[in-house]
C-alpha cells in the first residue's frame, strides 16, 4: 500500500485517472478509513501513468464531449419552435409538443390538488418532491403524459409493465414505496387492485389539455417546474440476476447526459421520426427511443403491440411524416425477415424495399441482445442497411456504439460513447464462448435428449478448464468490461450493499460482461455468469425461473439455461427431474408438459421467461459442492445434440437467410 502523495494525486487527477465525483465514494471512504490508496486503484493508476509517459497507453478508452447537456425533455417543452410540431403519434391521434405539454401540466395540477399534504393552503410548493409515482398505462400518449406530469410535480417515475403478473408489480410498488399510481381508463381496474394491496392511491390520467391555451402562458407556467439536475427522476427495475430485482435510480442530469450523448453520436434532429416498438419500462424503449428524440424536437410514432405486417407498412410508407429512424431488438428483426419471406408475393420486391429503406430511412439500430451475423447480413441484403449495434445496461445507459458514419463490423459494439470511460480488467481465465461463434450456429432443437447423456457430465479438470480459455488476438485485450462516467445511475434503490458490490475499489462499474477490445473497437464475449439469459431483448434470471418451476408439484428439481438461437438470441431450456408421484401426462406427453410449465411460470413471472424447451431427465448433474455445473451442462447438452440439429436445418434460419 502506498501513502497518499500530493504530487502523485495531482498527476493522477491531471490525467483524469481519479474517478469522477458520482462514482468515487468507495475510493474516498477507503482513503479516509486507512489513509492509503486502495491497492487496486494504485496499481491501475501507476500503470496508466507509466503507459502515458511511454506513449503506449491503451489500458482504457474514453470519449469526452460537451459536459453540459443542451437538449432535455424540459427544454423541448419550453422551445417555441417545437410547439406546433408533432411530438407523439399513437393509434388514437397525433399530439404536438404543445398538446403533450398542456396535458402534462393539467395532470400535474391534478396530482398537486389530489395529493398535496396541506390541501387547505394555496402554496404551490411541490409536495410530491422525491415521492415515487408508478406509471401503469398502455404504450400510448397516456404514458408520456404521466411521465412528464410526474417530473413537473417533482416525483420519481416508476414505470410498470401492464403485462407483468400482479406479484411482480406488487413487489416493485412495495420495494419503491410508491405512493401514487397513474393509470389510464384501460388499466384502472387492475391498478386499483394492486394499489389497494400495496397501500397506494391511484389517479387516472387523461389527455385533456390545461386551461392555458396560449403557448407562451403555458411555457411561463411550466418553466419554474424544471427539476434540478441532481433531483432523482426514475427507477427502472432489473430482471433480478440473483434474488429479487433491484431498482436502478437515475437522476435528471444523467438522463439528460444520456440523451445528449445519443443526439451527438447518432445525429438526432427535429427532422427525425422514430417508429417505436419496444416496452416503455425498459431503458432501451424509454431512454433511447422516447426521452432522447423528444429532447431534441423529433417525433415518436408509437406501435403499441408489435405486428410485423404493421411495422413493414410503416417503414415502407409514403406518408409525408414518414419513419426515418428504427430501433429494435434482434428478435424483432428476425420476425420482420420471416414475415417478408413468407409474404413476399404480396410485398414489394427486394429491390423496391432496398430502394425505399435506403432513400427514406437514415438509421436502423439493434440492441439489448447480441445480433447474430446471419441476421445482420440478411437485413442488409433486404434493406441495404447495416444495422448499427450498440451496447448499454440498465445501470449505465449507452456505453458503446458502432459509428453512424463509418464501418460497422458485425459482432462488435464499436467505440465508447461521449462522456464514457471504459477499461478492460484482465481475468485469470475467460471460459465464456466467443459471441461471434455462438451466433453462427443454427437454432438447436433437442427433441430426443436421453438421460444417459447427462450422466456423462463431470466437473471439468483444471487442465481442460485452461484449454477452454479464449485467447485474445495479438494486440488486443480481454477481460471484464468496467466503465465510469457522469451519465450513469446513482445507485440501487435502498440497497447500498448491492451498489458497493457493483463497483470496483476505485469506483468503476463492473458490467459483469467479458469483452475484447482491439484498436478501440469492443466485442462482447458474454456474461461472466451463466445464469443470465438474453432472450428476445430481455435479460432473464435463470434462478428466478428455476425457483418458480420447482414449485410445480410434478417437478423435483430443474436446471434452466440459454442455448444460442438465431430467433431469440438465446432459447430458454429447462431440464427437469420429476417427482415419483408426477402425473402420467408429465411422464408420457412432453409437448403438453412443456405448455403446462410455460403457463405455470407465466402466472407469477412475465410470459417471456417461460422455457421454450422442457426435457425430462433422470438426474441433474452437479459438482462436488452440490451445485449444478451449468457451463459443463450446456457444453455437453450442445455437443450431444448438434449432429441432430445439423441434419435437420432450422426452419427459422432458412427463412431469415432467404
Foldseek 3Di string as FASTA:
>chain_A
DDADDVVLVVVCVVVVLFFDDLFFPLQVVVCVVPNHGPPVSVVVSVVQVVCVVVVRDPQKDAFADDLAFPFFLLVLLLDPVQQQPFAEAEPPGTDGSVLLLQLLVVVLVVCCCPDPPDNVDPDPQLNQAAAEEEEAEFPGSQRSSVQSNCLLSNYAYQYDYNLAFLVLVLVSCQLRVHAEYEYAPVCVVVVVVSCVVNVHYYDYGDSDGHPPPDSNVSSVVSVVSHDDQAGKHYWAWAQPQDDRTFTFIFGRSLLSVLLRLCCVQQVAALLAEEEQADDCSALCRPRVQRGNNSRHNHYYYYDRHDDLVVVLCQQQPPDPSGHAEYEFEQLSLLVNLLVCLVCVVVDDHLVSQQVSNVVRHLAYEYELFAAAPLSQVLCCSRHVDRHKYFDDDRFFRTFFTDGSPDDHDHQWHHFGIHQKMKGFDADPADQFAALRVQSVAAAFDDDPDAQVLQVPQADDDPVVRRVSGDDAPPQKDKHWMWMGGDNGTSATRPCVPVRVVQADSSRIGGPQWIWMAHPRIIGTRGGVDQQWDQWRSGTHGQVLLQVQLCVDQFFPGKGWGWGQHNNTRTAIEMETETDPPHDPCVVPPQVVVLVVSLVSSVNNGPSVNRGPYYHYHNDQDDYPVRHRPVVSVRVSVCVVRVVVCVVPDDPSSVSSND
